[in-house]
Amino acid sequence: MKFLGPLACKDREFLLSFPEEEFQPLAYTSAKSKGDYSGIDTSYNFTHDGRHYTCRAVVVKSDDLYKQQRKTLDK
């Protein structure tokens, strides 16, 4: 199975389970961003049609968006 795409919202706990200090800076830029991203290379387990799979996953976050959300939550 070859697939590149975002995880469904039901996997939010997986996405939020990584400590901040494990994220590494990424050299990525886009037309909409100056490139303040960090990420973690990990594995992801799931079941599809009764079969269990383990695949490589890269969890990426926008550092600027994270900082904005932390300010909102800290209020």
PDB file of N, CA and C in Angstrom:
ATOM      1  N   MET A   1       0.852  -1.175   0.000  1.00  0.00           N
ATOM      2  CA  MET A   1       0.000   0.000   0.000  1.00  0.00           C
ATOM      3  C   MET A   1       0.894   1.232   0.000  1.00  0.00           C
ATOM      4  N   LYS A   2       0.676   2.129  -0.948  1.00  0.00           N
ATOM      5  CA  LYS A   2       1.431   3.382  -0.994  1.00  0.00           C
ATOM      6  C   LYS A   2       0.435   4.520  -0.848  1.00  0.00           C
ATOM      7  N   PHE A   3       0.690   5.397   0.121  1.00  0.00           N
ATOM      8  CA  PHE A   3      -0.249   6.488   0.383  1.00  0.00           C
ATOM      9  C   PHE A   3       0.484   7.611   1.094  1.00  0.00           C
ATOM     10  N   LEU A   4       0.227   8.823   0.713  1.00  0.00           N
ATOM     11  CA  LEU A   4       0.757   9.990   1.402  1.00  0.00           C
ATOM     12  C   LEU A   4      -0.408  10.920   1.651  1.00  0.00           C
ATOM     13  N   GLY A   5      -0.702  11.176   2.921  1.00  0.00           N
ATOM     14  CA  GLY A   5      -1.819  12.045   3.229  1.00  0.00           C
ATOM     15  C   GLY A   5      -1.982  12.226   4.714  1.00  0.00           C
ATOM     16  N   PRO A   6      -2.862  13.111   5.117  1.00  0.00           N
ATOM     17  CA  PRO A   6      -3.076  13.382   6.542  1.00  0.00           C
ATOM     18  C   PRO A   6      -3.867  12.271   7.232  1.00  0.00           C
ATOM     19  N   LEU A   7      -3.625  12.122   8.514  1.00  0.00           N
ATOM     20  CA  LEU A   7      -4.413  11.175   9.313  1.00  0.00           C
ATOM     21  C   LEU A   7      -5.766  11.786   9.633  1.00  0.00           C
ATOM     22  N   ALA A   8      -6.739  10.941   9.847  1.00  0.00           N
ATOM     23  CA  ALA A   8      -8.086  11.402  10.196  1.00  0.00           C
ATOM     24  C   ALA A   8      -8.081  12.020  11.597  1.00  0.00           C
ATOM     25  N   CYS A   9      -9.057  12.847  11.878  1.00  0.00           N
ATOM     26  CA  CYS A   9      -9.163  13.502  13.186  1.00  0.00           C
ATOM     27  C   CYS A   9      -9.245  12.512  14.340  1.00  0.00           C
ATOM     28  N   LYS A  10      -9.719  11.307  14.091  1.00  0.00           N
ATOM     29  CA  LYS A  10      -9.822  10.326  15.163  1.00  0.00           C
ATOM     30  C   LYS A  10      -8.454   9.925  15.695  1.00  0.00           C
ATOM     31  N   ASP A  11      -7.390  10.230  14.964  1.00  0.00           N
ATOM     32  CA  ASP A  11      -6.031   9.908  15.382  1.00  0.00           C
ATOM     33  C   ASP A  11      -5.339  11.075  16.073  1.00  0.00           C
ATOM     34  N   ARG A  12      -6.113  12.007  16.553  1.00  0.00           N
ATOM     35  CA  ARG A  12      -5.570  13.202  17.217  1.00  0.00           C
ATOM     36  C   ARG A  12      -4.690  12.842  18.411  1.00  0.00           C
ATOM     37  N   GLU A  13      -5.082  11.827  19.178  1.00  0.00           N
ATOM     38  CA  GLU A  13      -4.277  11.426  20.339  1.00  0.00           C
ATOM     39  C   GLU A  13      -2.880  10.980  19.908  1.00  0.00           C
ATOM     40  N   PHE A  14      -2.794  10.253  18.805  1.00  0.00           N
ATOM     41  CA  PHE A  14      -1.491   9.843  18.284  1.00  0.00           C
ATOM     42  C   PHE A  14      -0.656  11.069  17.935  1.00  0.00           C
ATOM     43  N   LEU A  15      -1.268  12.029  17.251  1.00  0.00           N
ATOM     44  CA  LEU A  15      -0.542  13.218  16.823  1.00  0.00           C
ATOM     45  C   LEU A  15      -0.065  14.065  17.992  1.00  0.00           C
ATOM     46  N   LEU A  16      -0.821  14.053  19.083  1.00  0.00           N
ATOM     47  CA  LEU A  16      -0.476  14.877  20.244  1.00  0.00           C
ATOM     48  C   LEU A  16       0.354  14.123  21.284  1.00  0.00           C
ATOM     49  N   SER A  17       0.695  12.871  21.020  1.00  0.00           N
ATOM     50  CA  SER A  17       1.381  12.049  22.019  1.00  0.00           C
ATOM     51  C   SER A  17       2.895  12.270  22.087  1.00  0.00           C
ATOM     52  N   PHE A  18       3.442  13.078  21.210  1.00  0.00           N
ATOM     53  CA  PHE A  18       4.896  13.254  21.168  1.00  0.00           C
ATOM     54  C   PHE A  18       5.330  14.471  21.981  1.00  0.00           C
ATOM     55  N   PRO A  19       6.344  14.299  22.854  1.00  0.00           N
ATOM     56  CA  PRO A  19       6.848  15.434  23.632  1.00  0.00           C
ATOM     57  C   PRO A  19       7.488  16.486  22.728  1.00  0.00           C
ATOM     58  N   GLU A  20       7.354  17.713  23.105  1.00  0.00           N
ATOM     59  CA  GLU A  20       7.880  18.845  22.332  1.00  0.00           C
ATOM     60  C   GLU A  20       9.368  18.685  22.009  1.00  0.00           C
ATOM     61  N   GLU A  21      10.153  18.174  22.953  1.00  0.00           N
ATOM     62  CA  GLU A  21      11.598  18.092  22.759  1.00  0.00           C
ATOM     63  C   GLU A  21      12.019  17.047  21.718  1.00  0.00           C
ATOM     64  N   GLU A  22      11.114  16.176  21.284  1.00  0.00           N
ATOM     65  CA  GLU A  22      11.444  15.175  20.262  1.00  0.00           C
ATOM     66  C   GLU A  22      11.358  15.727  18.838  1.00  0.00           C
ATOM     67  N   PHE A  23      10.688  16.856  18.649  1.00  0.00           N
ATOM     68  CA  PHE A  23      10.558  17.436  17.321  1.00  0.00           C
ATOM     69  C   PHE A  23      11.884  18.036  16.869  1.00  0.00           C
ATOM     70  N   GLN A  24      12.231  17.785  15.603  1.00  0.00           N
ATOM     71  CA  GLN A  24      13.457  18.302  15.003  1.00  0.00           C
ATOM     72  C   GLN A  24      13.092  19.313  13.919  1.00  0.00           C
ATOM     73  N   PRO A  25      13.893  20.387  13.761  1.00  0.00           N
ATOM     74  CA  PRO A  25      13.608  21.379  12.715  1.00  0.00           C
ATOM     75  C   PRO A  25      13.629  20.736  11.325  1.00  0.00           C
ATOM     76  N   LEU A  26      12.720  21.172  10.456  1.00  0.00           N
ATOM     77  CA  LEU A  26      12.648  20.674   9.087  1.00  0.00           C
ATOM     78  C   LEU A  26      12.986  21.793   8.108  1.00  0.00           C
ATOM     79  N   ALA A  27      13.696  21.457   7.066  1.00  0.00           N
ATOM     80  CA  ALA A  27      14.028  22.424   6.017  1.00  0.00           C
ATOM     81  C   ALA A  27      12.916  22.395   4.967  1.00  0.00           C
ATOM     82  N   TYR A  28      11.801  23.043   5.261  1.00  0.00           N
ATOM     83  CA  TYR A  28      10.651  23.046   4.371  1.00  0.00           C
ATOM     84  C   TYR A  28      10.084  24.451   4.293  1.00  0.00           C
ATOM     85  N   THR A  29       9.810  24.899   3.101  1.00  0.00           N
ATOM     86  CA  THR A  29       9.148  26.187   2.908  1.00  0.00           C
ATOM     87  C   THR A  29       8.052  26.010   1.870  1.00  0.00           C
ATOM     88  N   SER A  30       7.083  26.902   1.921  1.00  0.00           N
ATOM     89  CA  SER A  30       6.011  26.901   0.926  1.00  0.00           C
ATOM     90  C   SER A  30       5.700  28.335   0.553  1.00  0.00           C
ATOM     91  N   ALA A  31       4.837  28.506  -0.413  1.00  0.00           N
ATOM     92  CA  ALA A  31       4.462  29.853  -0.841  1.00  0.00           C
ATOM     93  C   ALA A  31       3.745  30.617   0.261  1.00  0.00           C
ATOM     94  N   LYS A  32       3.109  29.889   1.196  1.00  0.00           N
ATOM     95  CA  LYS A  32       2.333  30.522   2.259  1.00  0.00           C
ATOM     96  C   LYS A  32       3.098  30.669   3.566  1.00  0.00           C
ATOM     97  N   SER A  33       4.286  30.066   3.672  1.00  0.00           N
ATOM     98  CA  SER A  33       4.984  30.050   4.954  1.00  0.00           C
ATOM     99  C   SER A  33       6.470  30.262   4.760  1.00  0.00           C
ATOM    100  N   LYS A  34       7.100  30.818   5.789  1.00  0.00           N
ATOM    101  CA  LYS A  34       8.551  31.031   5.733  1.00  0.00           C
ATOM    102  C   LYS A  34       9.330  29.796   6.160  1.00  0.00           C
ATOM    103  N   GLY A  35       8.649  28.747   6.565  1.00  0.00           N
ATOM    104  CA  GLY A  35       9.325  27.488   6.798  1.00  0.00           C
ATOM    105  C   GLY A  35       9.634  27.129   8.227  1.00  0.00           C
ATOM    106  N   ASP A  36       8.902  27.617   9.194  1.00  0.00           N
ATOM    107  CA  ASP A  36       9.124  27.248  10.587  1.00  0.00           C
ATOM    108  C   ASP A  36       8.334  25.991  10.924  1.00  0.00           C
ATOM    109  N   TYR A  37       8.865  24.842  10.497  1.00  0.00           N
ATOM    110  CA  TYR A  37       8.235  23.556  10.751  1.00  0.00           C
ATOM    111  C   TYR A  37       9.206  22.644  11.493  1.00  0.00           C
ATOM    112  N   SER A  38       8.652  21.730  12.259  1.00  0.00           N
ATOM    113  CA  SER A  38       9.463  20.692  12.887  1.00  0.00           C
ATOM    114  C   SER A  38       8.695  19.381  12.794  1.00  0.00           C
ATOM    115  N   GLY A  39       9.410  18.266  12.951  1.00  0.00           N
ATOM    116  CA  GLY A  39       8.745  16.988  12.771  1.00  0.00           C
ATOM    117  C   GLY A  39       9.438  15.835  13.467  1.00  0.00           C
ATOM    118  N   ILE A  40       8.762  14.690  13.444  1.00  0.00           N
ATOM    119  CA  ILE A  40       9.239  13.446  14.044  1.00  0.00           C
ATOM    120  C   ILE A  40       9.010  12.332  13.032  1.00  0.00           C
ATOM    121  N   ASP A  41      10.018  11.496  12.817  1.00  0.00           N
ATOM    122  CA  ASP A  41       9.899  10.305  11.990  1.00  0.00           C
ATOM    123  C   ASP A  41       9.565   9.146  12.933  1.00  0.00           C
ATOM    124  N   THR A  42       8.437   8.486  12.719  1.00  0.00           N
ATOM    125  CA  THR A  42       7.966   7.453  13.632  1.00  0.00           C
ATOM    126  C   THR A  42       7.243   6.355  12.852  1.00  0.00           C
ATOM    127  N   SER A  43       6.585   5.466  13.530  1.00  0.00           N
ATOM    128  CA  SER A  43       5.764   4.457  12.858  1.00  0.00           C
ATOM    129  C   SER A  43       4.316   4.600  13.324  1.00  0.00           C
ATOM    130  N   TYR A  44       3.402   4.108  12.505  1.00  0.00           N
ATOM    131  CA  TYR A  44       1.978   4.208  12.788  1.00  0.00           C
ATOM    132  C   TYR A  44       1.332   2.855  12.516  1.00  0.00           C
ATOM    133  N   ASN A  45       0.576   2.345  13.474  1.00  0.00           N
ATOM    134  CA  ASN A  45      -0.104   1.054  13.350  1.00  0.00           C
ATOM    135  C   ASN A  45      -1.592   1.281  13.098  1.00  0.00           C
ATOM    136  N   PHE A  46      -2.148   0.515  12.153  1.00  0.00           N
ATOM    137  CA  PHE A  46      -3.582   0.627  11.884  1.00  0.00           C
ATOM    138  C   PHE A  46      -4.109  -0.685  11.312  1.00  0.00           C
ATOM    139  N   THR A  47      -5.435  -0.806  11.309  1.00  0.00           N
ATOM    140  CA  THR A  47      -6.103  -1.981  10.767  1.00  0.00           C
ATOM    141  C   THR A  47      -6.981  -1.535   9.602  1.00  0.00           C
ATOM    142  N   HIS A  48      -6.933  -2.306   8.510  1.00  0.00           N
ATOM    143  CA  HIS A  48      -7.750  -2.018   7.325  1.00  0.00           C
ATOM    144  C   HIS A  48      -8.213  -3.347   6.747  1.00  0.00           C
ATOM    145  N   ASP A  49      -9.518  -3.503   6.561  1.00  0.00           N
ATOM    146  CA  ASP A  49     -10.097  -4.746   6.037  1.00  0.00           C
ATOM    147  C   ASP A  49      -9.633  -5.968   6.833  1.00  0.00           C
ATOM    148  N   GLY A  50      -9.557  -5.817   8.146  1.00  0.00           N
ATOM    149  CA  GLY A  50      -9.191  -6.935   9.016  1.00  0.00           C
ATOM    150  C   GLY A  50      -7.712  -7.267   9.067  1.00  0.00           C
ATOM    151  N   ARG A  51      -6.884  -6.538   8.351  1.00  0.00           N
ATOM    152  CA  ARG A  51      -5.433  -6.773   8.368  1.00  0.00           C
ATOM    153  C   ARG A  51      -4.740  -5.654   9.123  1.00  0.00           C
ATOM    154  N   HIS A  52      -3.679  -6.004   9.841  1.00  0.00           N
ATOM    155  CA  HIS A  52      -2.917  -5.024  10.620  1.00  0.00           C
ATOM    156  C   HIS A  52      -1.701  -4.569   9.822  1.00  0.00           C
ATOM    157  N   TYR A  53      -1.472  -3.267   9.840  1.00  0.00           N
ATOM    158  CA  TYR A  53      -0.362  -2.675   9.108  1.00  0.00           C
ATOM    159  C   TYR A  53       0.462  -1.792  10.044  1.00  0.00           C
ATOM    160  N   THR A  54       1.735  -1.703   9.761  1.00  0.00           N
ATOM    161  CA  THR A  54       2.628  -0.737  10.394  1.00  0.00           C
ATOM    162  C   THR A  54       3.312   0.009   9.266  1.00  0.00           C
ATOM    163  N   CYS A  55       3.247   1.322   9.297  1.00  0.00           N
ATOM    164  CA  CYS A  55       3.867   2.107   8.238  1.00  0.00           C
ATOM    165  C   CYS A  55       4.690   3.246   8.839  1.00  0.00           C
ATOM    166  N   ARG A  56       5.521   3.799   8.028  1.00  0.00           N
ATOM    167  CA  ARG A  56       6.320   4.947   8.436  1.00  0.00           C
ATOM    168  C   ARG A  56       5.424   6.177   8.451  1.00  0.00           C
ATOM    169  N   ALA A  57       5.601   7.011   9.461  1.00  0.00           N
ATOM    170  CA  ALA A  57       4.814   8.236   9.571  1.00  0.00           C
ATOM    171  C   ALA A  57       5.749   9.393   9.925  1.00  0.00           C
ATOM    172  N   VAL A  58       5.466  10.531   9.369  1.00  0.00           N
ATOM    173  CA  VAL A  58       6.192  11.751   9.710  1.00  0.00           C
ATOM    174  C   VAL A  58       5.165  12.721  10.278  1.00  0.00           C
ATOM    175  N   VAL A  59       5.321  13.051  11.539  1.00  0.00           N
ATOM    176  CA  VAL A  59       4.423  14.003  12.199  1.00  0.00           C
ATOM    177  C   VAL A  59       5.063  15.379  12.064  1.00  0.00           C
ATOM    178  N   VAL A  60       4.355  16.300  11.415  1.00  0.00           N
ATOM    179  CA  VAL A  60       4.884  17.639  11.142  1.00  0.00           C
ATOM    180  C   VAL A  60       3.988  18.660  11.813  1.00  0.00           C
ATOM    181  N   LYS A  61       4.624  19.673  12.409  1.00  0.00           N
ATOM    182  CA  LYS A  61       3.841  20.766  12.990  1.00  0.00           C
ATOM    183  C   LYS A  61       4.430  22.099  12.575  1.00  0.00           C
ATOM    184  N   SER A  62       3.571  23.084  12.484  1.00  0.00           N
ATOM    185  CA  SER A  62       3.991  24.454  12.220  1.00  0.00           C
ATOM    186  C   SER A  62       4.349  25.092  13.555  1.00  0.00           C
ATOM    187  N   ASP A  63       5.598  25.487  13.709  1.00  0.00           N
ATOM    188  CA  ASP A  63       6.020  26.079  14.973  1.00  0.00           C
ATOM    189  C   ASP A  63       5.295  27.397  15.250  1.00  0.00           C
ATOM    190  N   ASP A  64       5.063  28.208  14.213  1.00  0.00           N
ATOM    191  CA  ASP A  64       4.349  29.474  14.403  1.00  0.00           C
ATOM    192  C   ASP A  64       2.915  29.245  14.857  1.00  0.00           C
ATOM    193  N   LEU A  65       2.221  28.302  14.222  1.00  0.00           N
ATOM    194  CA  LEU A  65       0.844  27.987  14.609  1.00  0.00           C
ATOM    195  C   LEU A  65       0.798  27.421  16.023  1.00  0.00           C
ATOM    196  N   TYR A  66       1.756  26.575  16.361  1.00  0.00           N
ATOM    197  CA  TYR A  66       1.832  26.009  17.708  1.00  0.00           C
ATOM    198  C   TYR A  66       1.993  27.116  18.751  1.00  0.00           C
ATOM    199  N   LYS A  67       2.860  28.073  18.484  1.00  0.00           N
ATOM    200  CA  LYS A  67       3.080  29.184  19.431  1.00  0.00           C
ATOM    201  C   LYS A  67       1.808  30.022  19.590  1.00  0.00           C
ATOM    202  N   GLN A  68       1.093  30.271  18.484  1.00  0.00           N
ATOM    203  CA  GLN A  68      -0.157  31.028  18.546  1.00  0.00           C
ATOM    204  C   GLN A  68      -1.200  30.296  19.383  1.00  0.00           C
ATOM    205  N   GLN A  69      -1.306  28.989  19.185  1.00  0.00           N
ATOM    206  CA  GLN A  69      -2.290  28.200  19.939  1.00  0.00           C
ATOM    207  C   GLN A  69      -1.920  28.130  21.412  1.00  0.00           C
ATOM    208  N   ARG A  70      -0.631  28.042  21.733  1.00  0.00           N
ATOM    209  CA  ARG A  70      -0.200  27.998  23.149  1.00  0.00           C
ATOM    210  C   ARG A  70      -0.582  29.293  23.845  1.00  0.00           C
ATOM    211  N   LYS A  71      -0.433  30.424  23.181  1.00  0.00           N
ATOM    212  CA  LYS A  71      -0.802  31.717  23.763  1.00  0.00           C
ATOM    213  C   LYS A  71      -2.289  31.746  24.086  1.00  0.00           C
ATOM    214  N   THR A  72      -3.107  31.219  23.172  1.00  0.00           N
ATOM    215  CA  THR A  72      -4.552  31.171  23.389  1.00  0.00           C
ATOM    216  C   THR A  72      -4.902  30.262  24.571  1.00  0.00           C
ATOM    217  N   LEU A  73      -4.254  29.106  24.637  1.00  0.00           N
ATOM    218  CA  LEU A  73      -4.548  28.147  25.722  1.00  0.00           C
ATOM    219  C   LEU A  73      -4.047  28.643  27.074  1.00  0.00           C
ATOM    220  N   ASP A  74      -2.969  29.422  27.093  1.00  0.00           N
ATOM    221  CA  ASP A  74      -2.410  29.908  28.352  1.00  0.00           C
ATOM    222  C   ASP A  74      -3.211  31.049  28.962  1.00  0.00           C
ATOM    223  N   LYS A  75      -4.131  31.636  28.200  1.00  0.00           N
ATOM    224  CA  LYS A  75      -4.935  32.754  28.722  1.00  0.00           C
ATOM    225  C   LYS A  75      -5.974  32.285  29.706  1.00  0.00           C
TER     226      LYS A  75
END
